C-alpha atoms as a PDB file:
ATOM      1  CA  MET A   1      12.486 -18.575   5.689  1.00  0.00           C
ATOM      2  CA  SER A   2       9.144 -18.301   7.454  1.00  0.00           C
ATOM      3  CA  SER A   3       7.364 -14.956   7.639  1.00  0.00           C
ATOM      4  CA  ARG A   4       7.879 -14.914  11.401  1.00  0.00           C
ATOM      5  CA  ASN A   5      11.646 -15.386  11.039  1.00  0.00           C
ATOM      6  CA  LEU A   6      11.733 -12.854   8.219  1.00  0.00           C
ATOM      7  CA  PHE A   7       9.939 -10.261  10.363  1.00  0.00           C
ATOM      8  CA  GLU A   8      12.327 -10.932  13.254  1.00  0.00           C
ATOM      9  CA  LYS A   9      15.242 -10.402  10.840  1.00  0.00           C
ATOM     10  CA  LEU A  10      13.705  -7.163   9.542  1.00  0.00           C
ATOM     11  CA  SER A  11      13.168  -6.040  13.154  1.00  0.00           C
ATOM     12  CA  LYS A  12      16.846  -6.670  13.962  1.00  0.00           C
ATOM     13  CA  GLU A  13      17.802  -4.673  10.849  1.00  0.00           C
ATOM     14  CA  GLY A  14      15.669  -1.759  12.089  1.00  0.00           C
ATOM     15  CA  LYS A  15      13.161  -2.002   9.221  1.00  0.00           C
ATOM     16  CA  LEU A  16      10.175  -3.209  11.249  1.00  0.00           C
ATOM     17  CA  LYS A  17       9.150  -2.572  14.805  1.00  0.00           C
ATOM     18  CA  PRO A  18       6.569  -4.548  16.783  1.00  0.00           C
ATOM     19  CA  GLN A  19       3.479  -2.454  17.431  1.00  0.00           C
ATOM     20  CA  LYS A  20      -0.067  -3.205  18.478  1.00  0.00           C
ATOM     21  CA  ALA A  21      -2.651  -1.636  16.208  1.00  0.00           C
ATOM     22  CA  ASP A  22      -5.474   0.507  17.525  1.00  0.00           C
ATOM     23  CA  ILE A  23      -8.685  -0.215  15.583  1.00  0.00           C
ATOM     24  CA  ASP A  24      -9.549   3.494  15.347  1.00  0.00           C
ATOM     25  CA  TYR A  25      -6.162   4.222  13.788  1.00  0.00           C
ATOM     26  CA  LEU A  26      -6.563   1.358  11.300  1.00  0.00           C
ATOM     27  CA  ASN A  27     -10.019   2.613  10.338  1.00  0.00           C
ATOM     28  CA  ALA A  28      -8.619   6.131   9.900  1.00  0.00           C
ATOM     29  CA  LEU A  29      -5.934   4.751   7.553  1.00  0.00           C
ATOM     30  CA  ILE A  30      -8.572   2.878   5.558  1.00  0.00           C
ATOM     31  CA  ASP A  31     -10.686   6.021   5.320  1.00  0.00           C
ATOM     32  CA  ALA A  32      -7.658   8.070   4.227  1.00  0.00           C
ATOM     33  CA  ALA A  33      -6.984   5.501   1.491  1.00  0.00           C
ATOM     34  CA  ARG A  34     -10.605   5.769   0.358  1.00  0.00           C
ATOM     35  CA  ARG A  35     -10.324   9.552   0.159  1.00  0.00           C
ATOM     36  CA  ASN A  36      -7.073   9.300  -1.809  1.00  0.00           C
ATOM     37  CA  PHE A  37      -8.616   6.842  -4.267  1.00  0.00           C
ATOM     38  CA  GLU A  38     -11.705   9.037  -4.692  1.00  0.00           C
ATOM     39  CA  ALA A  39      -9.588  12.135  -5.266  1.00  0.00           C
ATOM     40  CA  ALA A  40      -7.425  10.247  -7.768  1.00  0.00           C
ATOM     41  CA  LEU A  41     -10.507   9.308  -9.750  1.00  0.00           C
ATOM     42  CA  VAL A  42     -11.596  12.960  -9.841  1.00  0.00           C
ATOM     43  CA  VAL A  43      -8.285  14.267 -11.247  1.00  0.00           C
ATOM     44  CA  ARG A  44      -7.436  11.227 -13.382  1.00  0.00           C
ATOM     45  CA  GLY A  45      -7.208  12.225 -17.026  1.00  0.00           C
ATOM     46  CA  ARG A  46      -6.712  15.892 -16.159  1.00  0.00           C
ATOM     47  CA  VAL A  47      -3.651  15.826 -13.904  1.00  0.00           C
ATOM     48  CA  ASP A  48      -2.216  12.336 -14.273  1.00  0.00           C
ATOM     49  CA  GLU A  49       0.783  12.922 -12.029  1.00  0.00           C
ATOM     50  CA  ALA A  50      -1.463  13.980  -9.146  1.00  0.00           C
ATOM     51  CA  ALA A  51      -3.786  11.021  -9.724  1.00  0.00           C
ATOM     52  CA  PHE A  52      -0.797   8.647  -9.755  1.00  0.00           C
ATOM     53  CA  LYS A  53       0.470   9.994  -6.427  1.00  0.00           C
ATOM     54  CA  LEU A  54      -2.992   9.757  -4.862  1.00  0.00           C
ATOM     55  CA  PHE A  55      -3.436   6.137  -5.994  1.00  0.00           C
ATOM     56  CA  TYR A  56       0.054   5.395  -4.678  1.00  0.00           C
ATOM     57  CA  ASP A  57      -0.718   6.922  -1.274  1.00  0.00           C
ATOM     58  CA  GLY A  58      -3.896   4.840  -1.053  1.00  0.00           C
ATOM     59  CA  LEU A  59      -1.950   1.658  -1.850  1.00  0.00           C
ATOM     60  CA  LEU A  60       0.606   2.548   0.817  1.00  0.00           C
ATOM     61  CA  GLN A  61      -2.075   3.219   3.440  1.00  0.00           C
ATOM     62  CA  ILE A  62      -3.865  -0.077   2.738  1.00  0.00           C
ATOM     63  CA  SER A  63      -0.561  -1.941   2.911  1.00  0.00           C
ATOM     64  CA  ARG A  64       0.237  -0.254   6.226  1.00  0.00           C
ATOM     65  CA  VAL A  65      -3.101  -1.505   7.580  1.00  0.00           C
ATOM     66  CA  VAL A  66      -2.122  -5.073   6.649  1.00  0.00           C
ATOM     67  CA  VAL A  67       1.273  -4.753   8.342  1.00  0.00           C
ATOM     68  CA  LEU A  68      -0.061  -3.000  11.458  1.00  0.00           C
ATOM     69  CA  LEU A  69      -2.885  -5.503  11.808  1.00  0.00           C
ATOM     70  CA  ASN A  70      -0.199  -8.173  12.057  1.00  0.00           C
ATOM     71  CA  GLY A  71       1.648  -6.425  14.869  1.00  0.00           C
ATOM     72  CA  TYR A  72       4.369  -4.481  13.045  1.00  0.00           C
ATOM     73  CA  ARG A  73       5.069  -1.054  11.658  1.00  0.00           C
ATOM     74  CA  PRO A  74       7.774   0.037   9.237  1.00  0.00           C
ATOM     75  CA  GLU A  75      10.749   1.776  10.797  1.00  0.00           C
ATOM     76  CA  GLY A  76      13.860   3.538   9.567  1.00  0.00           C
ATOM     77  CA  ARG A  77      14.889   3.950   5.940  1.00  0.00           C
ATOM     78  CA  GLU A  78      12.951   2.639   2.946  1.00  0.00           C
ATOM     79  CA  GLN A  79       9.645   2.481   4.813  1.00  0.00           C
ATOM     80  CA  HIS A  80       7.536   2.337   1.649  1.00  0.00           C
ATOM     81  CA  LYS A  81       9.585  -0.537   0.229  1.00  0.00           C
ATOM     82  CA  THR A  82       9.447  -2.368   3.569  1.00  0.00           C
ATOM     83  CA  THR A  83       5.695  -1.785   3.902  1.00  0.00           C
ATOM     84  CA  PHE A  84       4.894  -3.293   0.506  1.00  0.00           C
ATOM     85  CA  PHE A  85       7.351  -6.151   1.026  1.00  0.00           C
ATOM     86  CA  ALA A  86       5.977  -7.022   4.483  1.00  0.00           C
ATOM     87  CA  ALA A  87       2.362  -6.754   3.284  1.00  0.00           C
ATOM     88  CA  GLY A  88       3.194  -9.156   0.457  1.00  0.00           C
ATOM     89  CA  GLU A  89       4.730 -11.632   2.889  1.00  0.00           C
ATOM     90  CA  ILE A  90       1.650 -11.445   5.121  1.00  0.00           C
ATOM     91  CA  LEU A  91      -0.838 -11.732   2.269  1.00  0.00           C
ATOM     92  CA  GLY A  92       0.935 -14.693   0.698  1.00  0.00           C
ATOM     93  CA  PRO A  93       2.076 -15.962  -2.689  1.00  0.00           C
ATOM     94  CA  GLU A  94      -1.195 -15.215  -4.491  1.00  0.00           C
ATOM     95  CA  TYR A  95      -0.362 -11.502  -4.079  1.00  0.00           C
ATOM     96  CA  GLU A  96       3.191 -11.823  -5.412  1.00  0.00           C
ATOM     97  CA  ASN A  97       2.493 -10.375  -8.868  1.00  0.00           C
ATOM     98  CA  LEU A  98       0.508  -7.451  -7.460  1.00  0.00           C
ATOM     99  CA  ILE A  99       3.272  -6.640  -4.973  1.00  0.00           C
ATOM    100  CA  LYS A 100       5.857  -6.756  -7.778  1.00  0.00           C
ATOM    101  CA  LYS A 101       3.743  -4.280  -9.775  1.00  0.00           C
ATOM    102  CA  ILE A 102       3.357  -2.035  -6.738  1.00  0.00           C
ATOM    103  CA  GLN A 103       7.124  -2.100  -6.134  1.00  0.00           C
ATOM    104  CA  LYS A 104       7.728  -1.029  -9.760  1.00  0.00           C
ATOM    105  CA  LEU A 105       5.184   1.761  -9.347  1.00  0.00           C
ATOM    106  CA  ARG A 106       6.941   2.774  -6.116  1.00  0.00           C
ATOM    107  CA  ILE A 107      10.170   3.193  -8.069  1.00  0.00           C
ATOM    108  CA  LYS A 108       8.346   5.223 -10.730  1.00  0.00           C
ATOM    109  CA  ARG A 109       6.886   7.441  -7.992  1.00  0.00           C
ATOM    110  CA  ASN A 110      10.355   7.964  -6.492  1.00  0.00           C
ATOM    111  CA  ILE A 111      11.746   9.009  -9.864  1.00  0.00           C
ATOM    112  CA  CYS A 112       8.851  11.434 -10.279  1.00  0.00           C
ATOM    113  CA  ILE A 113       9.399  12.934  -6.816  1.00  0.00           C
ATOM    114  CA  TYR A 114      13.185  13.170  -6.886  1.00  0.00           C
ATOM    115  CA  ASP A 115      13.742  13.752 -10.622  1.00  0.00           C
ATOM    116  CA  PRO A 116      10.802  15.889 -11.744  1.00  0.00           C
ATOM    117  CA  LYS A 117      11.958  15.797 -15.365  1.00  0.00           C
ATOM    118  CA  GLU A 118      10.359  12.341 -15.487  1.00  0.00           C
ATOM    119  CA  LEU A 119       6.656  13.019 -15.835  1.00  0.00           C
ATOM    120  CA  ILE A 120       3.870  10.605 -15.082  1.00  0.00           C
ATOM    121  CA  GLY A 121       1.558  10.118 -18.031  1.00  0.00           C
ATOM    122  CA  LYS A 122      -1.715   8.435 -18.815  1.00  0.00           C
ATOM    123  CA  SER A 123      -0.234   4.932 -19.194  1.00  0.00           C
ATOM    124  CA  GLU A 124       1.378   5.026 -15.734  1.00  0.00           C
ATOM    125  CA  THR A 125      -1.809   6.382 -14.197  1.00  0.00           C
ATOM    126  CA  ASP A 126      -3.855   3.686 -15.912  1.00  0.00           C
ATOM    127  CA  ALA A 127      -1.412   1.052 -14.621  1.00  0.00           C
ATOM    128  CA  ILE A 128      -1.578   2.202 -11.015  1.00  0.00           C
ATOM    129  CA  TYR A 129      -5.369   2.531 -11.169  1.00  0.00           C
ATOM    130  CA  SER A 130      -5.702  -1.042 -12.440  1.00  0.00           C
ATOM    131  CA  THR A 131      -3.284  -2.278  -9.773  1.00  0.00           C
ATOM    132  CA  ALA A 132      -5.087  -0.359  -7.004  1.00  0.00           C
ATOM    133  CA  LYS A 133      -8.456  -1.836  -8.057  1.00  0.00           C
ATOM    134  CA  LYS A 134      -7.106  -5.400  -8.040  1.00  0.00           C
ATOM    135  CA  PHE A 135      -5.163  -4.925  -4.823  1.00  0.00           C
ATOM    136  CA  TRP A 136      -8.067  -3.385  -2.906  1.00  0.00           C
ATOM    137  CA  SER A 137     -10.483  -6.027  -4.190  1.00  0.00           C
ATOM    138  CA  LYS A 138      -8.278  -8.805  -2.805  1.00  0.00           C
ATOM    139  CA  VAL A 139      -7.073  -7.064   0.360  1.00  0.00           C
ATOM    140  CA  ARG A 140     -10.634  -6.073   1.253  1.00  0.00           C
ATOM    141  CA  VAL A 141     -11.523  -9.777   1.553  1.00  0.00           C
ATOM    142  CA  TYR A 142      -8.412 -10.439   3.653  1.00  0.00           C
ATOM    143  CA  LEU A 143      -9.160  -7.520   6.001  1.00  0.00           C
ATOM    144  CA  ALA A 144     -12.838  -8.464   6.385  1.00  0.00           C
ATOM    145  CA  ASP A 145     -11.749 -11.938   7.505  1.00  0.00           C
ATOM    146  CA  ALA A 146      -8.925 -10.655   9.697  1.00  0.00           C
ATOM    147  CA  ASN A 147     -10.993  -8.185  11.715  1.00  0.00           C
ATOM    148  CA  PRO A 148     -14.737  -7.554  11.332  1.00  0.00           C
ATOM    149  CA  GLN A 149     -14.374  -4.220  13.193  1.00  0.00           C
ATOM    150  CA  LEU A 150     -12.614  -2.670  10.220  1.00  0.00           C
ATOM    151  CA  LYS A 151     -14.772  -0.213   8.279  1.00  0.00           C
ATOM    152  CA  LEU A 152     -14.117  -1.215   4.701  1.00  0.00           C
ATOM    153  CA  PHE A 153     -15.270   0.720   1.664  1.00  0.00           C
ATOM    154  CA  GLU A 154     -16.637  -0.760  -1.544  1.00  0.00           C
ATOM    155  CA  GLU A 155     -14.681  -1.480  -4.679  1.00  0.00           C
ATOM    156  CA  LEU A 156     -12.974   1.325  -6.599  1.00  0.00           C
END
């Protein structure tokens, strides 16, 4: 199934909605991701659970930029799952392994939020940090090509 057909299917299921992206809003999302990544680096090693959540939020915001830039926004239930899935479809097969890692980290984050007995430790924080660095490094190139008006920050 082509990405276009897949997005039409997701729209019919109520998971995506067509939406034009305002460049100021996209830049604000990118800046929010930068702030989350910077804050995560500050608390990493001291409060791993907080760092994990901040890295996760940055990954989500960057993925939302990719989806919005392509004329859609997540809608309804499972928005985080849909956002990462749609971003992966847009970015292409070379991102498949990164998206799979992000989806596993999304599940870990959900467990942490909804079952607080499951703590996030150093290994999970290290994993999400490594994934965030790789993801941003690749997505940064994609975004620079997609729209030169985007205000992109340097590597993590």
